[in-house]
Amino acid sequence: METRPFGTANSRVSVIGQGTWNIDIGERPRAIAALRRGLDLGMNHIDTAEMYGAGEAEKMIGRAIVGSRDEVFLVSKVLPEHASRSGTIAACENSLMRLGTDRLDCYLLHWRGEYPLEETIAGFNDLLSDGKILSWGVQQL
């Protein structure tokens, strides 16, 4: 699988990633097995969000990456209605708990909302300082 460098940490990320929108619909053991198979094939980028299955997608990913967390480039997203400084931090901590990990490789604002971007960025920077995220951004729709 082809990989490319990502960010200042120069993490190697597969050019083909695994999205998890609606992964919680259907047979969950098969979906978890599919994520693991993707990792085995070199697709180390897994993308999710707190809103996917109301957090259920993150729980499934957590089960899929047990024992292989360090090989996964894990991305999640905060909803705009949670994107105040304190809300961003709380949303991230909830995602980390559901994912069963201590960090995200990248944390994104899912889309712009009512909170000033500066407030969300302040939350991202707090999370960076605490080592809970390694990079951040804003998803462009």
N, C-alpha and C. Protein backbone atom coordinates (compact mmCIF):
# COMPACT_ATOMS: atom_id res chain seq x y z
N MET A 1 0.86 -1.18 0.00
CA MET A 1 0.00 0.00 0.00
C MET A 1 0.90 1.23 0.00
N GLU A 2 0.62 2.15 -0.87
CA GLU A 2 1.39 3.40 -0.93
C GLU A 2 1.05 4.26 0.29
N THR A 3 2.07 4.85 0.87
CA THR A 3 1.88 5.78 1.99
C THR A 3 2.52 7.11 1.65
N ARG A 4 2.09 8.12 2.35
CA ARG A 4 2.66 9.46 2.20
C ARG A 4 2.86 10.07 3.58
N PRO A 5 3.82 10.99 3.68
CA PRO A 5 4.03 11.64 4.98
C PRO A 5 2.87 12.57 5.31
N PHE A 6 2.54 12.65 6.60
CA PHE A 6 1.48 13.53 7.06
C PHE A 6 2.01 14.39 8.19
N GLY A 7 1.90 15.69 8.06
CA GLY A 7 2.19 16.62 9.15
C GLY A 7 3.66 16.69 9.52
N THR A 8 3.90 17.45 10.56
CA THR A 8 5.27 17.70 11.00
C THR A 8 5.90 16.49 11.66
N ALA A 9 5.11 15.57 12.17
CA ALA A 9 5.65 14.35 12.77
C ALA A 9 6.08 13.36 11.71
N ASN A 10 5.71 13.65 10.45
CA ASN A 10 6.08 12.82 9.30
C ASN A 10 5.54 11.40 9.42
N SER A 11 4.36 11.24 10.00
CA SER A 11 3.72 9.94 10.06
C SER A 11 3.46 9.46 8.64
N ARG A 12 3.60 8.17 8.42
CA ARG A 12 3.31 7.59 7.11
C ARG A 12 1.86 7.13 7.11
N VAL A 13 1.08 7.67 6.17
CA VAL A 13 -0.36 7.40 6.12
C VAL A 13 -0.70 6.80 4.76
N SER A 14 -1.48 5.73 4.78
CA SER A 14 -1.88 5.09 3.53
C SER A 14 -2.72 6.05 2.69
N VAL A 15 -2.53 6.00 1.37
CA VAL A 15 -3.28 6.90 0.48
C VAL A 15 -4.74 6.46 0.37
N ILE A 16 -5.02 5.23 0.72
CA ILE A 16 -6.39 4.74 0.79
C ILE A 16 -6.69 4.48 2.26
N GLY A 17 -7.72 5.15 2.75
CA GLY A 17 -8.10 5.00 4.15
C GLY A 17 -9.41 4.26 4.29
N GLN A 18 -9.78 4.03 5.53
CA GLN A 18 -11.02 3.33 5.85
C GLN A 18 -11.98 4.30 6.54
N GLY A 19 -13.07 4.61 5.87
CA GLY A 19 -14.11 5.44 6.46
C GLY A 19 -15.08 4.58 7.24
N THR A 20 -15.73 5.19 8.23
CA THR A 20 -16.58 4.39 9.11
C THR A 20 -18.00 4.93 9.25
N TRP A 21 -18.42 5.82 8.35
CA TRP A 21 -19.80 6.30 8.37
C TRP A 21 -20.72 5.10 8.17
N ASN A 22 -21.70 4.92 9.03
CA ASN A 22 -22.69 3.83 9.00
C ASN A 22 -22.09 2.45 9.24
N ILE A 23 -20.88 2.36 9.77
CA ILE A 23 -20.28 1.06 10.05
C ILE A 23 -21.04 0.29 11.13
N ASP A 24 -21.79 1.01 11.94
CA ASP A 24 -22.54 0.38 13.03
C ASP A 24 -23.83 -0.29 12.55
N ILE A 25 -24.16 -0.12 11.27
CA ILE A 25 -25.36 -0.75 10.70
C ILE A 25 -24.95 -2.11 10.15
N GLY A 26 -25.69 -3.13 10.47
CA GLY A 26 -25.34 -4.46 9.96
C GLY A 26 -24.61 -5.28 11.00
N GLU A 27 -23.89 -6.28 10.52
CA GLU A 27 -23.21 -7.23 11.40
C GLU A 27 -21.91 -6.64 11.91
N ARG A 28 -21.89 -6.27 13.16
CA ARG A 28 -20.72 -5.61 13.75
C ARG A 28 -19.47 -6.48 13.75
N PRO A 29 -19.56 -7.77 14.06
CA PRO A 29 -18.34 -8.58 14.01
C PRO A 29 -17.71 -8.60 12.61
N ARG A 30 -18.54 -8.62 11.58
CA ARG A 30 -18.01 -8.59 10.21
C ARG A 30 -17.37 -7.24 9.89
N ALA A 31 -17.97 -6.18 10.38
CA ALA A 31 -17.41 -4.84 10.14
C ALA A 31 -16.06 -4.70 10.84
N ILE A 32 -15.95 -5.19 12.06
CA ILE A 32 -14.68 -5.14 12.80
C ILE A 32 -13.63 -5.98 12.08
N ALA A 33 -14.04 -7.15 11.59
CA ALA A 33 -13.12 -8.01 10.84
C ALA A 33 -12.67 -7.30 9.56
N ALA A 34 -13.56 -6.56 8.92
CA ALA A 34 -13.20 -5.84 7.70
C ALA A 34 -12.18 -4.74 8.00
N LEU A 35 -12.35 -4.03 9.10
CA LEU A 35 -11.37 -3.02 9.50
C LEU A 35 -10.01 -3.67 9.74
N ARG A 36 -10.00 -4.79 10.44
CA ARG A 36 -8.74 -5.49 10.71
C ARG A 36 -8.09 -5.96 9.42
N ARG A 37 -8.90 -6.45 8.50
CA ARG A 37 -8.37 -6.91 7.21
C ARG A 37 -7.76 -5.73 6.45
N GLY A 38 -8.43 -4.59 6.49
CA GLY A 38 -7.87 -3.39 5.86
C GLY A 38 -6.52 -3.02 6.44
N LEU A 39 -6.41 -3.11 7.75
CA LEU A 39 -5.12 -2.84 8.40
C LEU A 39 -4.07 -3.85 7.95
N ASP A 40 -4.46 -5.12 7.86
CA ASP A 40 -3.53 -6.15 7.39
C ASP A 40 -3.04 -5.86 5.97
N LEU A 41 -3.89 -5.24 5.17
CA LEU A 41 -3.54 -4.91 3.78
C LEU A 41 -2.79 -3.59 3.66
N GLY A 42 -2.56 -2.92 4.80
CA GLY A 42 -1.77 -1.70 4.79
C GLY A 42 -2.57 -0.41 4.81
N MET A 43 -3.90 -0.50 4.91
CA MET A 43 -4.72 0.71 5.00
C MET A 43 -4.74 1.17 6.45
N ASN A 44 -3.71 1.93 6.83
CA ASN A 44 -3.54 2.28 8.25
C ASN A 44 -4.32 3.52 8.68
N HIS A 45 -4.96 4.21 7.75
CA HIS A 45 -5.73 5.42 8.06
C HIS A 45 -7.19 5.03 8.30
N ILE A 46 -7.67 5.27 9.51
CA ILE A 46 -9.08 5.04 9.84
C ILE A 46 -9.69 6.38 10.23
N ASP A 47 -10.78 6.73 9.57
CA ASP A 47 -11.48 7.99 9.78
C ASP A 47 -12.83 7.73 10.44
N THR A 48 -13.13 8.49 11.48
CA THR A 48 -14.40 8.35 12.17
C THR A 48 -14.83 9.72 12.70
N ALA A 49 -15.89 9.74 13.47
CA ALA A 49 -16.40 10.97 14.08
C ALA A 49 -17.30 10.62 15.24
N GLU A 50 -17.40 11.56 16.17
CA GLU A 50 -18.27 11.31 17.32
C GLU A 50 -19.71 11.08 16.90
N MET A 51 -20.13 11.65 15.79
CA MET A 51 -21.52 11.53 15.35
C MET A 51 -21.84 10.22 14.65
N TYR A 52 -20.84 9.49 14.20
CA TYR A 52 -21.08 8.24 13.46
C TYR A 52 -21.67 7.20 14.41
N GLY A 53 -22.92 6.88 14.17
CA GLY A 53 -23.61 5.92 15.04
C GLY A 53 -23.70 6.39 16.47
N ALA A 54 -23.73 7.72 16.68
CA ALA A 54 -23.78 8.29 18.03
C ALA A 54 -22.68 7.71 18.92
N GLY A 55 -21.47 7.58 18.34
CA GLY A 55 -20.33 7.07 19.09
C GLY A 55 -20.09 5.57 18.93
N GLU A 56 -21.05 4.86 18.38
CA GLU A 56 -20.90 3.41 18.23
C GLU A 56 -19.77 3.06 17.26
N ALA A 57 -19.58 3.85 16.22
CA ALA A 57 -18.48 3.58 15.28
C ALA A 57 -17.14 3.63 16.00
N GLU A 58 -16.97 4.61 16.87
CA GLU A 58 -15.71 4.72 17.62
C GLU A 58 -15.50 3.49 18.51
N LYS A 59 -16.55 3.00 19.12
CA LYS A 59 -16.43 1.81 19.96
C LYS A 59 -16.00 0.60 19.12
N MET A 60 -16.56 0.48 17.94
CA MET A 60 -16.20 -0.64 17.06
C MET A 60 -14.75 -0.53 16.61
N ILE A 61 -14.32 0.66 16.28
CA ILE A 61 -12.92 0.87 15.89
C ILE A 61 -12.01 0.51 17.04
N GLY A 62 -12.38 0.92 18.24
CA GLY A 62 -11.59 0.57 19.41
C GLY A 62 -11.36 -0.93 19.52
N ARG A 63 -12.42 -1.70 19.25
CA ARG A 63 -12.27 -3.16 19.30
C ARG A 63 -11.38 -3.66 18.15
N ALA A 64 -11.50 -3.02 17.00
CA ALA A 64 -10.73 -3.46 15.82
C ALA A 64 -9.23 -3.20 15.95
N ILE A 65 -8.85 -2.17 16.69
CA ILE A 65 -7.43 -1.79 16.74
C ILE A 65 -6.70 -2.27 17.99
N VAL A 66 -7.37 -3.05 18.81
CA VAL A 66 -6.72 -3.59 20.01
C VAL A 66 -5.45 -4.33 19.57
N GLY A 67 -4.34 -3.96 20.19
CA GLY A 67 -3.06 -4.60 19.89
C GLY A 67 -2.32 -4.04 18.70
N SER A 68 -2.96 -3.11 17.99
CA SER A 68 -2.29 -2.54 16.81
C SER A 68 -2.41 -1.02 16.76
N ARG A 69 -2.71 -0.38 17.88
CA ARG A 69 -2.92 1.07 17.90
C ARG A 69 -1.76 1.85 17.30
N ASP A 70 -0.55 1.45 17.57
CA ASP A 70 0.60 2.22 17.10
C ASP A 70 0.78 2.14 15.59
N GLU A 71 0.14 1.19 14.94
CA GLU A 71 0.22 1.07 13.48
C GLU A 71 -0.90 1.83 12.77
N VAL A 72 -1.83 2.39 13.53
CA VAL A 72 -3.01 3.05 12.96
C VAL A 72 -2.87 4.56 13.01
N PHE A 73 -3.22 5.23 11.91
CA PHE A 73 -3.33 6.68 11.88
C PHE A 73 -4.81 6.97 12.08
N LEU A 74 -5.17 7.40 13.28
CA LEU A 74 -6.57 7.51 13.71
C LEU A 74 -7.03 8.96 13.68
N VAL A 75 -8.14 9.19 12.97
CA VAL A 75 -8.72 10.52 12.83
C VAL A 75 -10.16 10.48 13.34
N SER A 76 -10.53 11.48 14.14
CA SER A 76 -11.92 11.64 14.53
C SER A 76 -12.29 13.11 14.41
N LYS A 77 -13.58 13.38 14.60
CA LYS A 77 -14.08 14.74 14.37
C LYS A 77 -15.03 15.17 15.48
N VAL A 78 -14.96 16.46 15.81
CA VAL A 78 -15.86 17.07 16.77
C VAL A 78 -17.01 17.74 16.01
N LEU A 79 -18.21 17.58 16.51
CA LEU A 79 -19.38 18.26 15.91
C LEU A 79 -19.33 19.75 16.19
N PRO A 80 -19.84 20.57 15.28
CA PRO A 80 -19.82 22.02 15.48
C PRO A 80 -20.52 22.47 16.75
N GLU A 81 -21.58 21.78 17.15
CA GLU A 81 -22.30 22.20 18.36
C GLU A 81 -21.53 21.88 19.64
N HIS A 82 -20.44 21.12 19.54
CA HIS A 82 -19.58 20.82 20.68
C HIS A 82 -18.26 21.58 20.62
N ALA A 83 -18.11 22.47 19.64
CA ALA A 83 -16.81 23.04 19.30
C ALA A 83 -16.42 24.31 20.07
N SER A 84 -17.01 24.54 21.25
CA SER A 84 -16.47 25.57 22.13
C SER A 84 -15.12 25.05 22.63
N ARG A 85 -14.36 25.88 23.29
CA ARG A 85 -13.06 25.42 23.81
C ARG A 85 -13.24 24.21 24.73
N SER A 86 -14.08 24.36 25.74
CA SER A 86 -14.28 23.25 26.69
C SER A 86 -15.03 22.09 26.04
N GLY A 87 -15.95 22.40 25.14
CA GLY A 87 -16.71 21.35 24.46
C GLY A 87 -15.83 20.51 23.56
N THR A 88 -14.87 21.14 22.89
CA THR A 88 -13.93 20.41 22.03
C THR A 88 -13.11 19.44 22.86
N ILE A 89 -12.65 19.89 24.00
CA ILE A 89 -11.85 19.04 24.89
C ILE A 89 -12.70 17.87 25.39
N ALA A 90 -13.91 18.16 25.84
CA ALA A 90 -14.78 17.10 26.36
C ALA A 90 -15.14 16.10 25.26
N ALA A 91 -15.44 16.59 24.06
CA ALA A 91 -15.78 15.70 22.96
C ALA A 91 -14.61 14.79 22.62
N CYS A 92 -13.41 15.34 22.60
CA CYS A 92 -12.22 14.55 22.32
C CYS A 92 -12.01 13.49 23.39
N GLU A 93 -12.13 13.87 24.63
CA GLU A 93 -11.94 12.91 25.72
C GLU A 93 -12.97 11.78 25.66
N ASN A 94 -14.20 12.11 25.27
CA ASN A 94 -15.22 11.07 25.10
C ASN A 94 -14.87 10.15 23.94
N SER A 95 -14.38 10.73 22.84
CA SER A 95 -13.96 9.91 21.70
C SER A 95 -12.82 8.99 22.08
N LEU A 96 -11.83 9.52 22.80
CA LEU A 96 -10.70 8.70 23.22
C LEU A 96 -11.17 7.53 24.09
N MET A 97 -12.12 7.79 24.97
CA MET A 97 -12.64 6.74 25.83
C MET A 97 -13.33 5.66 24.97
N ARG A 98 -14.16 6.08 24.03
CA ARG A 98 -14.86 5.10 23.19
C ARG A 98 -13.87 4.31 22.33
N LEU A 99 -12.84 4.98 21.85
CA LEU A 99 -11.83 4.33 21.00
C LEU A 99 -10.84 3.49 21.79
N GLY A 100 -10.79 3.69 23.09
CA GLY A 100 -9.86 2.93 23.92
C GLY A 100 -8.41 3.29 23.67
N THR A 101 -8.15 4.56 23.44
CA THR A 101 -6.79 5.02 23.18
C THR A 101 -6.52 6.30 23.96
N ASP A 102 -5.26 6.68 24.01
CA ASP A 102 -4.89 7.90 24.73
C ASP A 102 -4.65 9.09 23.81
N ARG A 103 -4.74 8.85 22.48
CA ARG A 103 -4.46 9.94 21.55
C ARG A 103 -5.11 9.71 20.20
N LEU A 104 -5.33 10.83 19.51
CA LEU A 104 -5.74 10.81 18.10
C LEU A 104 -4.58 11.35 17.29
N ASP A 105 -4.37 10.80 16.12
CA ASP A 105 -3.32 11.31 15.25
C ASP A 105 -3.74 12.63 14.61
N CYS A 106 -5.03 12.76 14.36
CA CYS A 106 -5.56 14.03 13.83
C CYS A 106 -6.99 14.19 14.34
N TYR A 107 -7.32 15.40 14.76
CA TYR A 107 -8.67 15.71 15.25
C TYR A 107 -9.18 16.87 14.42
N LEU A 108 -10.37 16.70 13.87
CA LEU A 108 -10.93 17.69 12.96
C LEU A 108 -12.22 18.29 13.50
N LEU A 109 -12.44 19.55 13.18
CA LEU A 109 -13.77 20.14 13.32
C LEU A 109 -14.55 19.63 12.12
N HIS A 110 -15.67 18.96 12.36
CA HIS A 110 -16.40 18.30 11.28
C HIS A 110 -16.87 19.30 10.22
N TRP A 111 -17.39 20.42 10.65
CA TRP A 111 -17.69 21.54 9.76
C TRP A 111 -17.86 22.76 10.64
N ARG A 112 -17.77 23.92 10.02
CA ARG A 112 -17.88 25.18 10.78
C ARG A 112 -19.29 25.33 11.33
N GLY A 113 -19.37 25.90 12.52
CA GLY A 113 -20.65 26.12 13.17
C GLY A 113 -20.72 27.48 13.81
N GLU A 114 -21.48 27.61 14.88
CA GLU A 114 -21.71 28.91 15.52
C GLU A 114 -20.54 29.39 16.38
N TYR A 115 -19.71 28.47 16.88
CA TYR A 115 -18.60 28.90 17.73
C TYR A 115 -17.50 29.53 16.88
N PRO A 116 -16.91 30.61 17.38
CA PRO A 116 -15.78 31.21 16.65
C PRO A 116 -14.66 30.17 16.49
N LEU A 117 -14.07 30.15 15.32
CA LEU A 117 -13.01 29.19 15.04
C LEU A 117 -11.86 29.32 16.05
N GLU A 118 -11.62 30.53 16.53
CA GLU A 118 -10.55 30.75 17.52
C GLU A 118 -10.79 29.95 18.80
N GLU A 119 -12.06 29.80 19.16
CA GLU A 119 -12.40 29.05 20.37
C GLU A 119 -12.10 27.56 20.18
N THR A 120 -12.48 27.04 19.01
CA THR A 120 -12.20 25.63 18.71
C THR A 120 -10.69 25.40 18.65
N ILE A 121 -9.97 26.31 18.02
CA ILE A 121 -8.51 26.17 17.91
C ILE A 121 -7.86 26.20 19.29
N ALA A 122 -8.39 27.02 20.18
CA ALA A 122 -7.86 27.04 21.55
C ALA A 122 -8.04 25.66 22.20
N GLY A 123 -9.18 25.03 21.99
CA GLY A 123 -9.40 23.68 22.50
C GLY A 123 -8.44 22.68 21.87
N PHE A 124 -8.25 22.79 20.54
CA PHE A 124 -7.28 21.93 19.86
C PHE A 124 -5.88 22.11 20.45
N ASN A 125 -5.49 23.34 20.67
CA ASN A 125 -4.16 23.60 21.21
C ASN A 125 -3.99 23.05 22.62
N ASP A 126 -5.05 23.12 23.44
CA ASP A 126 -5.00 22.51 24.77
C ASP A 126 -4.81 20.99 24.64
N LEU A 127 -5.53 20.38 23.70
CA LEU A 127 -5.42 18.94 23.48
C LEU A 127 -4.03 18.56 22.98
N LEU A 128 -3.47 19.40 22.12
CA LEU A 128 -2.09 19.18 21.64
C LEU A 128 -1.11 19.21 22.81
N SER A 129 -1.25 20.23 23.64
CA SER A 129 -0.35 20.38 24.80
C SER A 129 -0.43 19.19 25.74
N ASP A 130 -1.62 18.61 25.86
CA ASP A 130 -1.82 17.47 26.74
C ASP A 130 -1.47 16.14 26.08
N GLY A 131 -1.09 16.17 24.80
CA GLY A 131 -0.73 14.95 24.08
C GLY A 131 -1.92 14.10 23.67
N LYS A 132 -3.12 14.65 23.75
CA LYS A 132 -4.31 13.87 23.40
C LYS A 132 -4.57 13.86 21.90
N ILE A 133 -4.05 14.85 21.19
CA ILE A 133 -4.07 14.87 19.73
C ILE A 133 -2.68 15.24 19.24
N LEU A 134 -2.34 14.76 18.05
CA LEU A 134 -1.02 15.05 17.48
C LEU A 134 -1.09 16.10 16.38
N SER A 135 -2.30 16.33 15.84
CA SER A 135 -2.52 17.36 14.82
C SER A 135 -4.00 17.67 14.78
N TRP A 136 -4.35 18.77 14.12
CA TRP A 136 -5.77 19.13 14.02
C TRP A 136 -6.03 19.86 12.70
N GLY A 137 -7.32 20.00 12.37
CA GLY A 137 -7.71 20.70 11.16
C GLY A 137 -9.20 20.91 11.12
N VAL A 138 -9.66 21.45 10.00
CA VAL A 138 -11.08 21.68 9.76
C VAL A 138 -11.43 20.93 8.48
N GLN A 139 -12.40 20.03 8.57
CA GLN A 139 -12.83 19.30 7.38
C GLN A 139 -13.55 20.27 6.47
N GLN A 140 -13.21 20.23 5.22
CA GLN A 140 -13.88 21.10 4.24
C GLN A 140 -14.96 20.29 3.56
N LEU A 141 -16.16 20.78 3.58
CA LEU A 141 -17.27 20.07 2.91
C LEU A 141 -17.43 20.55 1.50
